[in-house]
Amino acid sequence: MKLNSYKPDIAVQQRTPNLDWSNKFYYTSAQQEFEPDIWVQLLELPSTFSFDEALLICQLSKDEWLAWIPEHGESVLHTRQFCALS
């Protein structure tokens, strides 16, 4: 199952990814080590009504995790789609 990034055309707060290449956080978020059973901050929302946090369930590959997102369900996330909670 892939994450559906389609957002309906309604009035919602739009989140834009951080495209500042000089930002050190951008580089480290993709290189962080994650563990199962921790909550992470989503950088891309799977649907308008889903939460902006997800619980990591298990690692599927080097860059993909199975996660549970409240009000959405299970989803496969790439490490570029989330970061550690601060």
N, C-alpha and C. Protein backbone atom coordinates (compact mmCIF):
# COMPACT_ATOMS: atom_id res chain seq x y z
N MET A 1 0.85 -1.17 0.00
CA MET A 1 0.00 0.00 0.00
C MET A 1 0.89 1.23 0.00
N LYS A 2 0.64 2.13 -0.90
CA LYS A 2 1.40 3.38 -0.99
C LYS A 2 0.58 4.51 -0.40
N LEU A 3 1.27 5.51 0.08
CA LEU A 3 0.62 6.67 0.68
C LEU A 3 0.00 7.53 -0.40
N ASN A 4 -1.30 7.78 -0.29
CA ASN A 4 -2.01 8.61 -1.24
C ASN A 4 -1.84 10.06 -0.83
N SER A 5 -1.14 10.85 -1.65
CA SER A 5 -0.86 12.23 -1.29
C SER A 5 -1.87 13.21 -1.89
N TYR A 6 -2.95 12.70 -2.49
CA TYR A 6 -3.97 13.57 -3.06
C TYR A 6 -4.70 14.32 -1.95
N LYS A 7 -4.84 15.63 -2.13
CA LYS A 7 -5.57 16.44 -1.16
C LYS A 7 -6.74 17.10 -1.89
N PRO A 8 -7.95 16.96 -1.36
CA PRO A 8 -9.10 17.59 -2.00
C PRO A 8 -8.98 19.11 -1.99
N ASP A 9 -9.63 19.75 -2.94
CA ASP A 9 -9.57 21.19 -3.07
C ASP A 9 -10.56 21.86 -2.12
N ILE A 10 -10.22 21.86 -0.83
CA ILE A 10 -11.04 22.53 0.17
C ILE A 10 -10.13 23.40 1.03
N ALA A 11 -10.73 24.27 1.80
CA ALA A 11 -9.93 25.19 2.62
C ALA A 11 -9.31 24.45 3.79
N VAL A 12 -8.04 24.11 3.67
CA VAL A 12 -7.28 23.48 4.75
C VAL A 12 -5.92 24.16 4.82
N GLN A 13 -5.30 24.02 5.97
CA GLN A 13 -3.97 24.59 6.11
C GLN A 13 -3.01 23.75 5.28
N GLN A 14 -2.29 24.39 4.41
CA GLN A 14 -1.37 23.68 3.54
C GLN A 14 -0.01 23.62 4.19
N ARG A 15 0.57 22.44 4.19
CA ARG A 15 1.93 22.26 4.70
C ARG A 15 2.86 22.13 3.51
N THR A 16 3.93 22.88 3.54
CA THR A 16 4.90 22.79 2.47
C THR A 16 6.18 22.18 3.02
N PRO A 17 6.82 21.33 2.26
CA PRO A 17 8.06 20.73 2.75
C PRO A 17 9.16 21.78 2.85
N ASN A 18 10.08 21.53 3.73
CA ASN A 18 11.21 22.43 3.91
C ASN A 18 12.20 22.20 2.77
N LEU A 19 12.30 23.15 1.87
CA LEU A 19 13.19 23.00 0.71
C LEU A 19 14.48 23.79 0.87
N ASP A 20 14.78 24.24 2.06
CA ASP A 20 16.00 24.97 2.32
C ASP A 20 17.13 23.95 2.41
N TRP A 21 17.89 23.80 1.33
CA TRP A 21 18.94 22.78 1.26
C TRP A 21 20.07 23.05 2.24
N SER A 22 20.20 24.28 2.71
CA SER A 22 21.26 24.59 3.66
C SER A 22 20.86 24.22 5.08
N ASN A 23 19.60 23.87 5.28
CA ASN A 23 19.11 23.54 6.60
C ASN A 23 19.64 22.16 7.01
N LYS A 24 20.39 22.12 8.08
CA LYS A 24 20.98 20.87 8.55
C LYS A 24 19.92 19.84 8.91
N PHE A 25 18.76 20.30 9.41
CA PHE A 25 17.69 19.38 9.80
C PHE A 25 17.23 18.53 8.61
N TYR A 26 17.18 19.12 7.42
CA TYR A 26 16.72 18.38 6.24
C TYR A 26 17.61 17.16 6.00
N TYR A 27 18.92 17.35 6.10
CA TYR A 27 19.84 16.25 5.85
C TYR A 27 19.75 15.18 6.93
N THR A 28 19.61 15.59 8.19
CA THR A 28 19.62 14.62 9.27
C THR A 28 18.31 13.85 9.37
N SER A 29 17.17 14.44 8.94
CA SER A 29 15.91 13.73 9.07
C SER A 29 15.89 12.47 8.23
N ALA A 30 16.50 12.50 7.05
CA ALA A 30 16.52 11.32 6.19
C ALA A 30 17.55 10.30 6.69
N GLN A 31 18.49 10.72 7.53
CA GLN A 31 19.55 9.82 7.98
C GLN A 31 19.35 9.36 9.42
N GLN A 32 18.26 9.76 10.07
CA GLN A 32 18.03 9.38 11.45
C GLN A 32 17.76 7.89 11.56
N GLU A 33 18.12 7.34 12.70
CA GLU A 33 17.80 5.95 13.01
C GLU A 33 16.50 5.94 13.79
N PHE A 34 15.53 5.18 13.32
CA PHE A 34 14.24 5.08 13.98
C PHE A 34 14.07 3.68 14.55
N GLU A 35 13.16 3.56 15.49
CA GLU A 35 12.88 2.28 16.12
C GLU A 35 11.37 2.03 16.09
N PRO A 36 10.95 0.76 16.14
CA PRO A 36 9.52 0.47 16.23
C PRO A 36 8.95 1.02 17.54
N ASP A 37 7.66 1.29 17.52
CA ASP A 37 6.91 1.71 18.70
C ASP A 37 7.27 3.11 19.18
N ILE A 38 7.65 4.01 18.24
CA ILE A 38 7.84 5.41 18.60
C ILE A 38 6.94 6.27 17.70
N TRP A 39 6.55 7.42 18.22
CA TRP A 39 5.73 8.37 17.46
C TRP A 39 6.64 9.30 16.69
N VAL A 40 6.26 9.60 15.44
CA VAL A 40 7.02 10.52 14.59
C VAL A 40 6.09 11.60 14.04
N GLN A 41 6.66 12.69 13.62
CA GLN A 41 5.93 13.82 13.02
C GLN A 41 5.86 13.61 11.51
N LEU A 42 4.65 13.64 10.95
CA LEU A 42 4.50 13.48 9.51
C LEU A 42 4.79 14.80 8.81
N LEU A 43 5.56 14.75 7.74
CA LEU A 43 5.84 15.93 6.94
C LEU A 43 4.85 16.06 5.79
N GLU A 44 4.19 14.95 5.45
CA GLU A 44 3.15 14.92 4.43
C GLU A 44 1.94 14.22 5.04
N LEU A 45 0.79 14.86 5.00
CA LEU A 45 -0.41 14.24 5.55
C LEU A 45 -1.03 13.32 4.51
N PRO A 46 -1.41 12.09 4.90
CA PRO A 46 -2.01 11.16 3.95
C PRO A 46 -3.43 11.54 3.55
N SER A 47 -4.13 12.27 4.42
CA SER A 47 -5.47 12.75 4.09
C SER A 47 -5.74 14.01 4.90
N THR A 48 -6.76 14.73 4.50
CA THR A 48 -7.10 15.99 5.15
C THR A 48 -7.46 15.80 6.61
N PHE A 49 -8.06 14.68 6.95
CA PHE A 49 -8.58 14.47 8.29
C PHE A 49 -7.66 13.63 9.17
N SER A 50 -6.52 13.19 8.66
CA SER A 50 -5.63 12.37 9.47
C SER A 50 -4.81 13.23 10.43
N PHE A 51 -4.29 12.58 11.45
CA PHE A 51 -3.41 13.26 12.40
C PHE A 51 -2.08 13.56 11.73
N ASP A 52 -1.29 14.44 12.35
CA ASP A 52 0.02 14.78 11.79
C ASP A 52 1.14 14.01 12.47
N GLU A 53 0.79 12.96 13.21
CA GLU A 53 1.77 12.09 13.84
C GLU A 53 1.43 10.64 13.50
N ALA A 54 2.44 9.78 13.54
CA ALA A 54 2.24 8.36 13.24
C ALA A 54 3.06 7.52 14.20
N LEU A 55 2.59 6.31 14.45
CA LEU A 55 3.30 5.35 15.30
C LEU A 55 3.99 4.34 14.39
N LEU A 56 5.31 4.25 14.48
CA LEU A 56 6.05 3.30 13.67
C LEU A 56 5.82 1.89 14.20
N ILE A 57 5.48 0.97 13.30
CA ILE A 57 5.19 -0.42 13.69
C ILE A 57 6.42 -1.30 13.44
N CYS A 58 6.88 -1.33 12.19
CA CYS A 58 8.07 -2.13 11.88
C CYS A 58 8.72 -1.58 10.61
N GLN A 59 10.01 -1.85 10.49
CA GLN A 59 10.77 -1.40 9.33
C GLN A 59 10.63 -2.43 8.22
N LEU A 60 10.28 -1.95 7.02
CA LEU A 60 10.09 -2.84 5.87
C LEU A 60 11.35 -2.94 5.01
N SER A 61 12.07 -1.83 4.89
CA SER A 61 13.31 -1.79 4.14
C SER A 61 14.17 -0.68 4.74
N LYS A 62 15.28 -0.41 4.12
CA LYS A 62 16.18 0.62 4.64
C LYS A 62 15.48 1.97 4.79
N ASP A 63 14.60 2.30 3.85
CA ASP A 63 13.96 3.62 3.83
C ASP A 63 12.44 3.59 4.00
N GLU A 64 11.85 2.44 4.32
CA GLU A 64 10.39 2.36 4.44
C GLU A 64 9.98 1.74 5.77
N TRP A 65 8.92 2.30 6.34
CA TRP A 65 8.36 1.82 7.61
C TRP A 65 6.86 1.61 7.47
N LEU A 66 6.35 0.59 8.14
CA LEU A 66 4.92 0.42 8.29
C LEU A 66 4.54 1.24 9.51
N ALA A 67 3.53 2.09 9.38
CA ALA A 67 3.13 2.98 10.47
C ALA A 67 1.62 3.00 10.60
N TRP A 68 1.17 3.35 11.79
CA TRP A 68 -0.26 3.54 12.05
C TRP A 68 -0.51 5.02 12.27
N ILE A 69 -1.46 5.58 11.49
CA ILE A 69 -1.79 6.99 11.56
C ILE A 69 -3.23 7.11 12.06
N PRO A 70 -3.43 7.78 13.20
CA PRO A 70 -4.80 7.94 13.71
C PRO A 70 -5.71 8.61 12.67
N GLU A 71 -6.95 8.15 12.60
CA GLU A 71 -7.95 8.62 11.64
C GLU A 71 -7.60 8.31 10.19
N HIS A 72 -6.60 7.42 9.97
CA HIS A 72 -6.23 7.03 8.61
C HIS A 72 -6.01 5.51 8.53
N GLY A 73 -5.28 4.95 9.48
CA GLY A 73 -5.00 3.52 9.47
C GLY A 73 -3.53 3.24 9.20
N GLU A 74 -3.25 2.02 8.77
CA GLU A 74 -1.87 1.63 8.48
C GLU A 74 -1.44 2.19 7.13
N SER A 75 -0.15 2.52 7.05
CA SER A 75 0.39 3.07 5.81
C SER A 75 1.89 2.79 5.76
N VAL A 76 2.41 2.66 4.55
CA VAL A 76 3.86 2.53 4.36
C VAL A 76 4.41 3.94 4.14
N LEU A 77 5.38 4.32 4.97
CA LEU A 77 5.98 5.65 4.88
C LEU A 77 7.44 5.56 4.52
N HIS A 78 7.88 6.45 3.67
CA HIS A 78 9.30 6.60 3.37
C HIS A 78 9.91 7.51 4.42
N THR A 79 11.17 7.33 4.73
CA THR A 79 11.79 8.13 5.79
C THR A 79 11.80 9.62 5.47
N ARG A 80 11.63 10.00 4.21
CA ARG A 80 11.54 11.43 3.86
C ARG A 80 10.18 12.02 4.23
N GLN A 81 9.20 11.18 4.57
CA GLN A 81 7.86 11.65 4.87
C GLN A 81 7.63 11.91 6.35
N PHE A 82 8.62 11.66 7.20
CA PHE A 82 8.44 11.90 8.63
C PHE A 82 9.79 12.25 9.28
N CYS A 83 9.70 12.78 10.49
CA CYS A 83 10.90 13.08 11.28
C CYS A 83 10.59 12.79 12.74
N ALA A 84 11.62 12.79 13.56
CA ALA A 84 11.45 12.54 14.98
C ALA A 84 10.71 13.70 15.62
N LEU A 85 9.90 13.39 16.62
CA LEU A 85 9.21 14.44 17.37
C LEU A 85 10.24 15.21 18.18
N SER A 86 10.08 16.54 18.22
CA SER A 86 11.02 17.33 19.01
C SER A 86 10.54 17.60 20.38
